Amino acid sequence: MNALGGTPIYILSLAVQICSFLLLIRLLLQLVQADFYNPISQTIFKLTAPIINPINKLLPTVGTLNLAVLAAAILVKWSFYLIMGLATGVGILDIVMYIPVAAFDLLYALIEVYFWGIFILAISSWVGTTNHPSVQLVGQITEPYLRPFRRFIPPIGMMDISPMVAILSLMIIRNKLLPILGGTVQSLVG
């Protein structure tokens, strides 16, 4: 393969990653009912609307879970496998088997969103920028995950260690449980 052979694949992969990340954030914003009028929320909703609006007609929203956004995020992740499979001559039935892999990729991205979201909240609390709209939005997204930790781990003096325990649990999930789940998903693909 020549030096430029990997560049189109990298660009395609990056575009899929960014698009699926935006869809995942939109899914989380709707799931936790974050501030819709936050400028970042507005931007994400406007950027993802061309993908979501047609699918919204097919899939309902159940409670606060927008199934259209979830399906779109999985399909966007899967589109990378579809394009790569078609380019290499893999059969369409084999490519369909990669839908669980795309869902697993999305689950891994979700773990990363929560990991880095909690990390951003911790840093912003030290710096004193907790009133910034982006930090408030991150706080709204991560709060449902942090709430059980805060309920069971009381603050030690003025120090709240529950975010550290929450991050530690995400690291255990990412490093111990996700590889097991990933191996199971990969065995389905063959």
C-alpha atoms as a PDB file:
ATOM      1  CA  MET A   1       0.000   0.000   0.000  1.00  0.00           C
ATOM      2  CA  ASN A   2       1.404   3.416  -0.899  1.00  0.00           C
ATOM      3  CA  ALA A   3       1.861   6.259   1.581  1.00  0.00           C
ATOM      4  CA  LEU A   4      -1.520   7.820   0.756  1.00  0.00           C
ATOM      5  CA  GLY A   5      -3.435   4.532   0.810  1.00  0.00           C
ATOM      6  CA  GLY A   6      -4.342   4.817   4.470  1.00  0.00           C
ATOM      7  CA  THR A   7      -5.302   8.495   4.349  1.00  0.00           C
ATOM      8  CA  PRO A   8      -8.807   8.062   2.878  1.00  0.00           C
ATOM      9  CA  ILE A   9      -9.508   5.299   5.392  1.00  0.00           C
ATOM     10  CA  TYR A  10      -8.287   7.528   8.217  1.00  0.00           C
ATOM     11  CA  ILE A  11     -10.447  10.442   7.031  1.00  0.00           C
ATOM     12  CA  LEU A  12     -13.486   8.176   6.711  1.00  0.00           C
ATOM     13  CA  SER A  13     -12.844   6.719  10.164  1.00  0.00           C
ATOM     14  CA  LEU A  14     -12.468  10.192  11.664  1.00  0.00           C
ATOM     15  CA  ALA A  15     -15.696  11.415  10.019  1.00  0.00           C
ATOM     16  CA  VAL A  16     -17.580   8.372  11.345  1.00  0.00           C
ATOM     17  CA  GLN A  17     -16.114   8.890  14.832  1.00  0.00           C
ATOM     18  CA  ILE A  18     -17.116  12.570  14.935  1.00  0.00           C
ATOM     19  CA  CYS A  19     -20.612  11.923  13.596  1.00  0.00           C
ATOM     20  CA  SER A  20     -21.269   9.037  15.968  1.00  0.00           C
ATOM     21  CA  PHE A  21     -19.884  11.073  18.877  1.00  0.00           C
ATOM     22  CA  LEU A  22     -22.310  13.925  18.124  1.00  0.00           C
ATOM     23  CA  LEU A  23     -25.188  11.455  17.905  1.00  0.00           C
ATOM     24  CA  LEU A  24     -24.164   9.844  21.185  1.00  0.00           C
ATOM     25  CA  ILE A  25     -24.033  13.241  22.894  1.00  0.00           C
ATOM     26  CA  ARG A  26     -27.465  14.085  21.488  1.00  0.00           C
ATOM     27  CA  LEU A  27     -28.782  10.767  22.802  1.00  0.00           C
ATOM     28  CA  LEU A  28     -27.396  11.544  26.254  1.00  0.00           C
ATOM     29  CA  LEU A  29     -28.717  15.120  26.194  1.00  0.00           C
ATOM     30  CA  GLN A  30     -32.218  13.863  25.516  1.00  0.00           C
ATOM     31  CA  LEU A  31     -31.898  10.958  27.930  1.00  0.00           C
ATOM     32  CA  VAL A  32     -30.972  13.174  30.897  1.00  0.00           C
ATOM     33  CA  GLN A  33     -33.187  16.033  29.680  1.00  0.00           C
ATOM     34  CA  ALA A  34     -30.300  18.490  29.691  1.00  0.00           C
ATOM     35  CA  ASP A  35     -30.792  22.200  29.067  1.00  0.00           C
ATOM     36  CA  PHE A  36     -32.126  22.380  25.518  1.00  0.00           C
ATOM     37  CA  TYR A  37     -31.393  26.112  25.296  1.00  0.00           C
ATOM     38  CA  ASN A  38     -27.706  25.713  26.071  1.00  0.00           C
ATOM     39  CA  PRO A  39     -25.816  26.921  22.960  1.00  0.00           C
ATOM     40  CA  ILE A  40     -23.891  23.659  22.738  1.00  0.00           C
ATOM     41  CA  SER A  41     -27.120  21.633  22.900  1.00  0.00           C
ATOM     42  CA  GLN A  42     -28.608  23.780  20.166  1.00  0.00           C
ATOM     43  CA  THR A  43     -25.536  23.247  17.979  1.00  0.00           C
ATOM     44  CA  ILE A  44     -25.574  19.481  18.456  1.00  0.00           C
ATOM     45  CA  PHE A  45     -29.296  19.272  17.722  1.00  0.00           C
ATOM     46  CA  LYS A  46     -28.898  21.357  14.545  1.00  0.00           C
ATOM     47  CA  LEU A  47     -25.879  19.368  13.330  1.00  0.00           C
ATOM     48  CA  THR A  48     -27.581  16.005  13.843  1.00  0.00           C
ATOM     49  CA  ALA A  49     -31.053  16.989  12.630  1.00  0.00           C
ATOM     50  CA  PRO A  50     -30.473  15.978   8.961  1.00  0.00           C
ATOM     51  CA  ILE A  51     -29.660  12.444  10.092  1.00  0.00           C
ATOM     52  CA  ILE A  52     -32.289  12.146  12.831  1.00  0.00           C
ATOM     53  CA  ASN A  53     -35.375  13.808  11.337  1.00  0.00           C
ATOM     54  CA  PRO A  54     -36.053  11.125   8.693  1.00  0.00           C
ATOM     55  CA  ILE A  55     -35.495   8.299  11.202  1.00  0.00           C
ATOM     56  CA  ASN A  56     -37.736  10.009  13.800  1.00  0.00           C
ATOM     57  CA  LYS A  57     -40.692   9.212  11.538  1.00  0.00           C
ATOM     58  CA  LEU A  58     -39.911   5.488  11.785  1.00  0.00           C
ATOM     59  CA  LEU A  59     -38.773   5.037  15.382  1.00  0.00           C
ATOM     60  CA  PRO A  60     -40.543   6.469  18.410  1.00  0.00           C
ATOM     61  CA  THR A  61     -39.114   8.060  21.509  1.00  0.00           C
ATOM     62  CA  VAL A  62     -39.703   5.875  24.563  1.00  0.00           C
ATOM     63  CA  GLY A  63     -39.749   8.066  27.658  1.00  0.00           C
ATOM     64  CA  THR A  64     -36.576  10.107  27.260  1.00  0.00           C
ATOM     65  CA  LEU A  65     -34.796   7.492  25.119  1.00  0.00           C
ATOM     66  CA  ASN A  66     -34.848   8.586  21.501  1.00  0.00           C
ATOM     67  CA  LEU A  67     -34.651   5.322  19.564  1.00  0.00           C
ATOM     68  CA  ALA A  68     -34.056   7.178  16.299  1.00  0.00           C
ATOM     69  CA  VAL A  69     -30.845   8.708  17.662  1.00  0.00           C
ATOM     70  CA  LEU A  70     -29.693   5.367  19.053  1.00  0.00           C
ATOM     71  CA  ALA A  71     -30.353   3.620  15.744  1.00  0.00           C
ATOM     72  CA  ALA A  72     -28.643   6.414  13.809  1.00  0.00           C
ATOM     73  CA  ALA A  73     -25.563   6.250  16.035  1.00  0.00           C
ATOM     74  CA  ILE A  74     -25.272   2.488  15.554  1.00  0.00           C
ATOM     75  CA  LEU A  75     -25.863   2.792  11.803  1.00  0.00           C
ATOM     76  CA  VAL A  76     -23.252   5.533  11.458  1.00  0.00           C
ATOM     77  CA  LYS A  77     -20.730   3.336  13.294  1.00  0.00           C
ATOM     78  CA  TRP A  78     -21.748   0.390  11.129  1.00  0.00           C
ATOM     79  CA  SER A  79     -21.412   2.447   7.924  1.00  0.00           C
ATOM     80  CA  PHE A  80     -17.628   2.333   8.331  1.00  0.00           C
ATOM     81  CA  TYR A  81     -17.720  -1.484   8.332  1.00  0.00           C
ATOM     82  CA  LEU A  82     -20.145  -1.405   5.412  1.00  0.00           C
ATOM     83  CA  ILE A  83     -17.894   0.803   3.278  1.00  0.00           C
ATOM     84  CA  MET A  84     -14.763  -1.139   4.188  1.00  0.00           C
ATOM     85  CA  GLY A  85     -16.494  -4.449   3.523  1.00  0.00           C
ATOM     86  CA  LEU A  86     -17.819  -3.362   0.142  1.00  0.00           C
ATOM     87  CA  ALA A  87     -14.394  -2.002  -0.806  1.00  0.00           C
ATOM     88  CA  THR A  88     -12.692  -5.291   0.045  1.00  0.00           C
ATOM     89  CA  GLY A  89     -15.349  -7.537  -1.495  1.00  0.00           C
ATOM     90  CA  VAL A  90     -16.853  -8.957   1.690  1.00  0.00           C
ATOM     91  CA  GLY A  91     -20.372 -10.325   1.254  1.00  0.00           C
ATOM     92  CA  ILE A  92     -23.286  -8.180   2.392  1.00  0.00           C
ATOM     93  CA  LEU A  93     -24.485 -10.865   4.820  1.00  0.00           C
ATOM     94  CA  ASP A  94     -21.064 -10.853   6.494  1.00  0.00           C
ATOM     95  CA  ILE A  95     -21.187  -7.060   6.733  1.00  0.00           C
ATOM     96  CA  VAL A  96     -24.618  -7.188   8.422  1.00  0.00           C
ATOM     97  CA  MET A  97     -23.001  -9.292  11.141  1.00  0.00           C
ATOM     98  CA  TYR A  98     -20.951  -6.219  12.088  1.00  0.00           C
ATOM     99  CA  ILE A  99     -23.987  -4.387  13.526  1.00  0.00           C
ATOM    100  CA  PRO A 100     -23.290  -5.812  17.026  1.00  0.00           C
ATOM    101  CA  VAL A 101     -19.673  -4.687  16.647  1.00  0.00           C
ATOM    102  CA  ALA A 102     -20.908  -1.175  15.862  1.00  0.00           C
ATOM    103  CA  ALA A 103     -23.154  -1.256  18.946  1.00  0.00           C
ATOM    104  CA  PHE A 104     -20.170  -2.394  21.032  1.00  0.00           C
ATOM    105  CA  ASP A 105     -18.082   0.469  19.602  1.00  0.00           C
ATOM    106  CA  LEU A 106     -20.825   2.852  20.693  1.00  0.00           C
ATOM    107  CA  LEU A 107     -20.856   1.360  24.196  1.00  0.00           C
ATOM    108  CA  TYR A 108     -17.092   1.849  24.411  1.00  0.00           C
ATOM    109  CA  ALA A 109     -17.528   5.476  23.300  1.00  0.00           C
ATOM    110  CA  LEU A 110     -20.187   5.941  25.994  1.00  0.00           C
ATOM    111  CA  ILE A 111     -17.732   4.773  28.661  1.00  0.00           C
ATOM    112  CA  GLU A 112     -15.167   7.236  27.315  1.00  0.00           C
ATOM    113  CA  VAL A 113     -17.699  10.098  27.339  1.00  0.00           C
ATOM    114  CA  TYR A 114     -18.471   9.493  31.008  1.00  0.00           C
ATOM    115  CA  PHE A 115     -14.798   9.016  31.904  1.00  0.00           C
ATOM    116  CA  TRP A 116     -13.692  12.270  30.306  1.00  0.00           C
ATOM    117  CA  GLY A 117     -16.841  14.100  31.402  1.00  0.00           C
ATOM    118  CA  ILE A 118     -16.155  13.356  35.060  1.00  0.00           C
ATOM    119  CA  PHE A 119     -12.508  14.270  34.566  1.00  0.00           C
ATOM    120  CA  ILE A 120     -13.530  17.631  33.030  1.00  0.00           C
ATOM    121  CA  LEU A 121     -15.875  18.306  35.950  1.00  0.00           C
ATOM    122  CA  ALA A 122     -13.120  17.588  38.459  1.00  0.00           C
ATOM    123  CA  ILE A 123     -10.653  19.886  36.706  1.00  0.00           C
ATOM    124  CA  SER A 124     -13.227  22.658  36.292  1.00  0.00           C
ATOM    125  CA  SER A 125     -14.103  22.506  39.985  1.00  0.00           C
ATOM    126  CA  TRP A 126     -10.437  23.025  40.834  1.00  0.00           C
ATOM    127  CA  VAL A 127     -10.067  25.885  38.340  1.00  0.00           C
ATOM    128  CA  GLY A 128     -13.406  27.467  39.246  1.00  0.00           C
ATOM    129  CA  THR A 129     -15.101  27.425  35.838  1.00  0.00           C
ATOM    130  CA  THR A 130     -18.195  25.444  36.836  1.00  0.00           C
ATOM    131  CA  ASN A 131     -20.551  28.166  35.537  1.00  0.00           C
ATOM    132  CA  HIS A 132     -19.372  27.860  31.930  1.00  0.00           C
ATOM    133  CA  PRO A 133     -22.176  26.538  29.645  1.00  0.00           C
ATOM    134  CA  SER A 134     -20.070  23.622  28.407  1.00  0.00           C
ATOM    135  CA  VAL A 135     -19.157  22.547  31.941  1.00  0.00           C
ATOM    136  CA  GLN A 136     -22.797  22.815  33.036  1.00  0.00           C
ATOM    137  CA  LEU A 137     -23.805  20.598  30.120  1.00  0.00           C
ATOM    138  CA  VAL A 138     -21.135  18.036  30.991  1.00  0.00           C
ATOM    139  CA  GLY A 139     -22.410  18.118  34.565  1.00  0.00           C
ATOM    140  CA  GLN A 140     -25.976  17.468  33.434  1.00  0.00           C
ATOM    141  CA  ILE A 141     -24.857  14.504  31.340  1.00  0.00           C
ATOM    142  CA  THR A 142     -22.684  12.896  34.006  1.00  0.00           C
ATOM    143  CA  GLU A 143     -24.880  13.609  37.040  1.00  0.00           C
ATOM    144  CA  PRO A 144     -27.174  10.553  36.634  1.00  0.00           C
ATOM    145  CA  TYR A 145     -24.080   8.331  36.646  1.00  0.00           C
ATOM    146  CA  LEU A 146     -22.471  10.151  39.582  1.00  0.00           C
ATOM    147  CA  ARG A 147     -25.628  10.280  41.719  1.00  0.00           C
ATOM    148  CA  PRO A 148     -25.424   6.688  43.081  1.00  0.00           C
ATOM    149  CA  PHE A 149     -21.770   7.186  43.994  1.00  0.00           C
ATOM    150  CA  ARG A 150     -22.572  10.430  45.802  1.00  0.00           C
ATOM    151  CA  ARG A 151     -25.416   8.735  47.650  1.00  0.00           C
ATOM    152  CA  PHE A 152     -23.199   5.958  49.051  1.00  0.00           C
ATOM    153  CA  ILE A 153     -19.885   7.807  49.472  1.00  0.00           C
ATOM    154  CA  PRO A 154     -20.220  10.824  51.763  1.00  0.00           C
ATOM    155  CA  PRO A 155     -17.830  13.764  51.374  1.00  0.00           C
ATOM    156  CA  ILE A 156     -14.713  13.628  53.515  1.00  0.00           C
ATOM    157  CA  GLY A 157     -14.634  17.100  55.025  1.00  0.00           C
ATOM    158  CA  MET A 158     -14.797  19.446  52.029  1.00  0.00           C
ATOM    159  CA  MET A 159     -13.559  16.789  49.608  1.00  0.00           C
ATOM    160  CA  ASP A 160     -15.936  14.709  47.508  1.00  0.00           C
ATOM    161  CA  ILE A 161     -14.172  11.506  46.467  1.00  0.00           C
ATOM    162  CA  SER A 162     -17.190  10.003  44.709  1.00  0.00           C
ATOM    163  CA  PRO A 163     -16.005  11.189  41.247  1.00  0.00           C
ATOM    164  CA  MET A 164     -12.709   9.343  41.803  1.00  0.00           C
ATOM    165  CA  VAL A 165     -14.585   6.151  42.657  1.00  0.00           C
ATOM    166  CA  ALA A 166     -16.861   6.679  39.634  1.00  0.00           C
ATOM    167  CA  ILE A 167     -13.823   7.074  37.351  1.00  0.00           C
ATOM    168  CA  LEU A 168     -12.193   4.024  38.916  1.00  0.00           C
ATOM    169  CA  SER A 169     -15.316   1.965  38.244  1.00  0.00           C
ATOM    170  CA  LEU A 170     -15.336   3.157  34.614  1.00  0.00           C
ATOM    171  CA  MET A 171     -11.698   2.132  34.290  1.00  0.00           C
ATOM    172  CA  ILE A 172     -12.520  -1.334  35.635  1.00  0.00           C
ATOM    173  CA  ILE A 173     -15.443  -1.639  33.219  1.00  0.00           C
ATOM    174  CA  ARG A 174     -13.309  -0.434  30.308  1.00  0.00           C
ATOM    175  CA  ASN A 175     -10.260  -2.565  31.092  1.00  0.00           C
ATOM    176  CA  LYS A 176     -11.815  -5.760  32.499  1.00  0.00           C
ATOM    177  CA  LEU A 177     -15.452  -6.153  31.405  1.00  0.00           C
ATOM    178  CA  LEU A 178     -15.439  -4.578  27.942  1.00  0.00           C
ATOM    179  CA  PRO A 179     -12.673  -6.875  26.608  1.00  0.00           C
ATOM    180  CA  ILE A 180     -14.759  -9.897  27.663  1.00  0.00           C
ATOM    181  CA  LEU A 181     -17.860  -8.442  26.005  1.00  0.00           C
ATOM    182  CA  GLY A 182     -15.792  -7.461  22.961  1.00  0.00           C
ATOM    183  CA  GLY A 183     -14.482 -11.010  22.616  1.00  0.00           C
ATOM    184  CA  THR A 184     -18.045 -12.315  22.719  1.00  0.00           C
ATOM    185  CA  VAL A 185     -19.136  -9.829  20.070  1.00  0.00           C
ATOM    186  CA  GLN A 186     -16.138 -10.680  17.878  1.00  0.00           C
ATOM    187  CA  SER A 187     -16.944 -14.392  18.154  1.00  0.00           C
ATOM    188  CA  LEU A 188     -20.387 -13.640  16.701  1.00  0.00           C
ATOM    189  CA  VAL A 189     -18.764 -12.050  13.676  1.00  0.00           C
ATOM    190  CA  GLY A 190     -16.335 -14.926  13.276  1.00  0.00           C
END
